[in-house]
Protein backbone atom coordinates (compact mmCIF):
# COMPACT_ATOMS: atom_id res chain seq x y z
CA MET A 1 0.08 -0.06 0.08
CA LYS A 2 1.15 3.53 -0.71
CA LEU A 3 0.88 5.46 2.53
CA ALA A 4 1.42 9.23 2.92
CA VAL A 5 2.44 10.53 6.50
CA CYS A 6 1.89 14.17 7.19
CA ALA A 7 5.24 15.49 8.17
CA LYS A 8 7.42 18.42 8.94
CA GLY A 9 10.25 17.23 7.00
CA GLU A 10 11.54 14.54 4.48
CA GLY A 11 12.21 10.79 5.20
CA LEU A 12 11.55 8.18 7.93
CA ASN A 13 13.22 10.45 10.68
CA ALA A 14 10.98 13.22 10.00
CA GLU A 15 8.78 14.47 12.82
CA VAL A 16 5.17 14.04 12.01
CA ASP A 17 2.75 16.96 11.67
CA PRO A 18 -0.80 16.49 12.99
CA ARG A 19 -2.22 18.86 10.40
CA PHE A 20 -3.42 17.33 6.98
CA GLY A 21 -3.84 20.37 4.59
CA ARG A 22 -1.12 22.54 6.19
CA CYS A 23 1.67 19.80 6.74
CA PRO A 24 4.89 20.74 4.93
CA PHE A 25 5.43 17.34 3.60
CA PHE A 26 3.84 14.00 2.75
CA VAL A 27 6.30 11.15 3.33
CA VAL A 28 5.22 8.35 0.90
CA ILE A 29 5.94 4.90 1.90
CA ASP A 30 5.51 1.52 0.33
CA THR A 31 4.11 -0.29 3.36
CA GLU A 32 5.05 -3.77 1.86
CA ASN A 33 8.70 -3.33 2.05
CA CYS A 34 8.83 -0.29 4.64
CA LYS A 35 10.68 1.87 2.04
CA VAL A 36 10.06 5.71 1.26
CA ILE A 37 9.05 6.17 -2.15
CA GLU A 38 9.33 10.07 -2.08
CA SER A 39 8.75 12.99 0.14
CA ILE A 40 6.37 15.37 -1.54
CA SER A 41 6.33 19.15 -0.77
CA ASN A 42 2.71 20.20 0.12
CA THR A 43 2.58 23.18 -2.18
CA ASN A 44 -0.89 23.69 -0.73
CA ALA A 45 0.14 24.35 2.81
CA GLY A 46 0.20 28.10 2.63
CA ALA A 47 -2.96 28.41 0.71
CA ALA A 48 -5.55 31.14 1.80
CA GLY A 49 -8.29 28.55 1.80
CA GLY A 50 -9.10 24.92 0.63
CA ALA A 51 -5.83 23.68 1.69
CA GLY A 52 -7.23 20.22 2.78
CA PRO A 53 -9.09 19.49 -0.29
CA GLN A 54 -6.05 20.69 -2.56
CA ALA A 55 -3.80 18.46 -0.52
CA ALA A 56 -6.23 15.50 -1.06
CA GLN A 57 -6.12 16.07 -4.78
CA LEU A 58 -2.33 16.11 -4.75
CA LEU A 59 -2.38 12.74 -3.02
CA ALA A 60 -4.94 11.33 -5.30
CA ASN A 61 -2.70 12.49 -8.45
CA ARG A 62 0.05 10.49 -6.85
CA ASP A 63 -2.21 7.28 -6.48
CA ILE A 64 -1.89 7.37 -2.66
CA GLU A 65 -4.07 4.67 -1.02
CA ALA A 66 -3.94 5.88 2.61
CA VAL A 67 -2.86 8.87 4.50
CA ALA A 68 -1.77 8.92 8.23
CA LEU A 69 -2.53 12.30 10.05
CA GLY A 70 -3.40 13.88 13.37
CA ASN A 71 -6.47 15.81 12.56
CA ILE A 72 -8.70 16.50 9.60
CA GLY A 73 -11.44 18.91 8.68
CA PRO A 74 -14.84 18.32 7.06
CA ASN A 75 -13.94 19.39 3.46
CA ALA A 76 -10.41 17.68 3.59
CA ILE A 77 -12.09 14.39 4.73
CA GLU A 78 -14.97 14.54 2.10
CA ALA A 79 -12.17 15.01 -0.63
CA LEU A 80 -10.08 12.25 0.70
CA LYS A 81 -13.29 9.77 0.64
CA ALA A 82 -14.03 10.88 -2.86
CA ALA A 83 -10.66 9.89 -3.97
CA ASN A 84 -10.91 6.54 -2.16
CA ILE A 85 -8.07 7.23 0.12
CA ARG A 86 -8.23 5.47 3.45
CA ILE A 87 -7.59 7.74 6.52
CA TYR A 88 -5.60 6.75 9.66
CA SER A 89 -5.26 8.87 12.76
CA GLY A 90 -2.96 8.65 15.64
CA ILE A 91 0.29 9.74 14.37
CA THR A 92 3.13 10.67 16.99
CA GLY A 93 6.75 11.20 17.01
CA THR A 94 8.46 10.40 13.66
CA VAL A 95 7.46 8.90 10.42
CA GLU A 96 9.15 5.72 11.35
CA ASP A 97 7.21 5.64 14.67
CA THR A 98 3.87 5.94 12.89
CA LEU A 99 4.87 3.09 10.53
CA GLU A 100 5.46 0.88 13.65
CA LYS A 101 2.02 1.91 15.10
CA LEU A 102 0.44 0.98 11.68
CA TYR A 103 1.95 -2.51 11.75
CA GLU A 104 1.09 -3.08 15.31
CA GLY A 105 -2.60 -2.04 14.47
CA ASN A 106 -2.49 1.26 16.80
CA LEU A 107 -3.54 3.64 14.18
CA LYS A 108 -7.34 4.29 13.92
CA ILE A 109 -9.51 4.48 10.83
CA VAL A 110 -11.04 7.74 10.51
CA ALA A 111 -14.55 8.09 9.09
CA GLU A 112 -15.50 11.84 10.19
CA ALA A 113 -13.74 14.94 10.60
CA THR A 114 -11.82 15.33 13.85
CA VAL A 115 -11.65 19.21 13.80
CA SER A 116 -13.77 21.99 12.39
CA SER A 117 -12.81 23.90 9.22
CA HIS A 118 -9.86 26.03 9.03
CA SER A 119 -8.23 24.70 12.45
CA GLY A 120 -4.99 24.08 10.74
CA MET A 121 -4.65 27.79 10.13
CA ARG A 122 -4.63 28.56 13.71
CA ASN A 123 -1.73 26.04 14.26
CA GLN A 124 0.39 27.79 11.64
CA LYS A 125 3.58 29.83 12.71
CA GLY A 126 3.31 33.50 11.36
CA GLY A 127 -0.58 33.38 11.36
CA SER A 128 -1.02 33.07 7.65
């Protein structure tokens, strides 16, 4: 499975970012062999609005099958569902830590928004 993990940097040692639409990177991993395929810069992180749905489209365009995140808003979850991307929550630590949680069955499948719209903007440094 191609899994994208919301992260603050690139690679397995990157710290995870709880935000979906506004995380700086998505680290994409092939979960069958635990190898990083690529680290995608989230070009939508600074969008004035619609960052979540735009990030969902970015992942859909890369044929991502699942995403691991901390929180997700209502518009983003609908966009991920429309793209048939499975959603896991419960990320902590590094991307590698999150993979271990996935393999241990300790990530939760999410079916509904965990935060309100625009909550990721309140967590951005610089207030943009």
